[in-house]
Amino acid sequence: MPVPRHWDPGNLIASNALDLVSMGFAL
């Protein structure tokens, strides 16, 4: 996963939350 030039904690948390939800549905 490429690191964005401008590190946005809010966006990072949102992306991680979406990943967790996706993994939850995949299980």
PDB file of N, CA and C in Angstrom:
ATOM      1  N   MET A   1       0.848  -1.199   0.000  1.00  0.00           N
ATOM      2  CA  MET A   1       0.000   0.000   0.000  1.00  0.00           C
ATOM      3  C   MET A   1       0.884   1.249   0.000  1.00  0.00           C
ATOM      4  N   PRO A   2       0.787   2.054  -1.062  1.00  0.00           N
ATOM      5  CA  PRO A   2       1.650   3.244  -1.152  1.00  0.00           C
ATOM      6  C   PRO A   2       1.312   4.282  -0.091  1.00  0.00           C
ATOM      7  N   VAL A   3       2.330   4.955   0.400  1.00  0.00           N
ATOM      8  CA  VAL A   3       2.124   5.981   1.428  1.00  0.00           C
ATOM      9  C   VAL A   3       1.857   7.319   0.748  1.00  0.00           C
ATOM     10  N   PRO A   4       0.762   7.992   1.078  1.00  0.00           N
ATOM     11  CA  PRO A   4       0.457   9.289   0.467  1.00  0.00           C
ATOM     12  C   PRO A   4       1.473  10.351   0.867  1.00  0.00           C
ATOM     13  N   ARG A   5       1.698  11.328  -0.017  1.00  0.00           N
ATOM     14  CA  ARG A   5       2.666  12.387   0.292  1.00  0.00           C
ATOM     15  C   ARG A   5       2.195  13.177   1.498  1.00  0.00           C
ATOM     16  N   HIS A   6       0.911  13.523   1.533  1.00  0.00           N
ATOM     17  CA  HIS A   6       0.369  14.239   2.692  1.00  0.00           C
ATOM     18  C   HIS A   6      -0.322  13.208   3.574  1.00  0.00           C
ATOM     19  N   TRP A   7       0.270  12.988   4.746  1.00  0.00           N
ATOM     20  CA  TRP A   7      -0.265  11.945   5.625  1.00  0.00           C
ATOM     21  C   TRP A   7      -1.496  12.475   6.335  1.00  0.00           C
ATOM     22  N   ASP A   8      -2.647  11.883   6.030  1.00  0.00           N
ATOM     23  CA  ASP A   8      -3.912  12.337   6.619  1.00  0.00           C
ATOM     24  C   ASP A   8      -4.429  11.275   7.592  1.00  0.00           C
ATOM     25  N   PRO A   9      -4.287  11.490   8.906  1.00  0.00           N
ATOM     26  CA  PRO A   9      -4.730  10.501   9.900  1.00  0.00           C
ATOM     27  C   PRO A   9      -6.197  10.141   9.745  1.00  0.00           C
ATOM     28  N   GLY A  10      -7.046  11.137   9.489  1.00  0.00           N
ATOM     29  CA  GLY A  10      -8.481  10.864   9.350  1.00  0.00           C
ATOM     30  C   GLY A  10      -8.738   9.936   8.183  1.00  0.00           C
ATOM     31  N   ASN A  11      -8.089  10.216   7.047  1.00  0.00           N
ATOM     32  CA  ASN A  11      -8.275   9.388   5.859  1.00  0.00           C
ATOM     33  C   ASN A  11      -7.722   7.993   6.117  1.00  0.00           C
ATOM     34  N   LEU A  12      -6.584   7.924   6.819  1.00  0.00           N
ATOM     35  CA  LEU A  12      -5.966   6.635   7.125  1.00  0.00           C
ATOM     36  C   LEU A  12      -6.902   5.798   7.988  1.00  0.00           C
ATOM     37  N   ILE A  13      -7.501   6.418   8.994  1.00  0.00           N
ATOM     38  CA  ILE A  13      -8.420   5.700   9.884  1.00  0.00           C
ATOM     39  C   ILE A  13      -9.641   5.225   9.105  1.00  0.00           C
ATOM     40  N   ALA A  14     -10.143   6.079   8.218  1.00  0.00           N
ATOM     41  CA  ALA A  14     -11.313   5.712   7.413  1.00  0.00           C
ATOM     42  C   ALA A  14     -10.968   4.520   6.521  1.00  0.00           C
ATOM     43  N   SER A  15      -9.775   4.548   5.912  1.00  0.00           N
ATOM     44  CA  SER A  15      -9.365   3.448   5.040  1.00  0.00           C
ATOM     45  C   SER A  15      -9.239   2.160   5.848  1.00  0.00           C
ATOM     46  N   ASN A  16      -8.631   2.248   7.026  1.00  0.00           N
ATOM     47  CA  ASN A  16      -8.476   1.064   7.872  1.00  0.00           C
ATOM     48  C   ASN A  16      -9.837   0.526   8.297  1.00  0.00           C
ATOM     49  N   ALA A  17     -10.763   1.419   8.609  1.00  0.00           N
ATOM     50  CA  ALA A  17     -12.103   0.990   9.018  1.00  0.00           C
ATOM     51  C   ALA A  17     -12.784   0.264   7.861  1.00  0.00           C
ATOM     52  N   LEU A  18     -12.651   0.801   6.648  1.00  0.00           N
ATOM     53  CA  LEU A  18     -13.264   0.157   5.479  1.00  0.00           C
ATOM     54  C   LEU A  18     -12.633  -1.217   5.256  1.00  0.00           C
ATOM     55  N   ASP A  19     -11.305  -1.311   5.431  1.00  0.00           N
ATOM     56  CA  ASP A  19     -10.622  -2.597   5.271  1.00  0.00           C
ATOM     57  C   ASP A  19     -11.145  -3.600   6.296  1.00  0.00           C
ATOM     58  N   LEU A  20     -11.327  -3.160   7.539  1.00  0.00           N
ATOM     59  CA  LEU A  20     -11.823  -4.059   8.585  1.00  0.00           C
ATOM     60  C   LEU A  20     -13.236  -4.528   8.260  1.00  0.00           C
ATOM     61  N   VAL A  21     -14.069  -3.619   7.768  1.00  0.00           N
ATOM     62  CA  VAL A  21     -15.444  -3.982   7.413  1.00  0.00           C
ATOM     63  C   VAL A  21     -15.426  -4.979   6.257  1.00  0.00           C
ATOM     64  N   SER A  22     -14.553  -4.722   5.271  1.00  0.00           N
ATOM     65  CA  SER A  22     -14.472  -5.630   4.121  1.00  0.00           C
ATOM     66  C   SER A  22     -14.036  -7.020   4.576  1.00  0.00           C
ATOM     67  N   MET A  23     -13.048  -7.067   5.472  1.00  0.00           N
ATOM     68  CA  MET A  23     -12.579  -8.365   5.969  1.00  0.00           C
ATOM     69  C   MET A  23     -13.677  -9.047   6.772  1.00  0.00           C
ATOM     70  N   GLY A  24     -14.443  -8.266   7.508  1.00  0.00           N
ATOM     71  CA  GLY A  24     -15.539  -8.830   8.302  1.00  0.00           C
ATOM     72  C   GLY A  24     -16.575  -9.476   7.398  1.00  0.00           C
ATOM     73  N   PHE A  25     -16.900  -8.815   6.283  1.00  0.00           N
ATOM     74  CA  PHE A  25     -17.885  -9.386   5.365  1.00  0.00           C
ATOM     75  C   PHE A  25     -17.307 -10.600   4.646  1.00  0.00           C
ATOM     76  N   ALA A  26     -15.986 -10.603   4.449  1.00  0.00           N
ATOM     77  CA  ALA A  26     -15.353 -11.702   3.718  1.00  0.00           C
ATOM     78  C   ALA A  26     -15.328 -12.973   4.561  1.00  0.00           C
ATOM     79  N   LEU A  27     -15.316 -12.817   5.887  1.00  0.00           N
ATOM     80  CA  LEU A  27     -15.235 -14.009   6.747  1.00  0.00           C
ATOM     81  C   LEU A  27     -16.499 -14.853   6.669  1.00  0.00           C
TER      82      LEU A  27
END
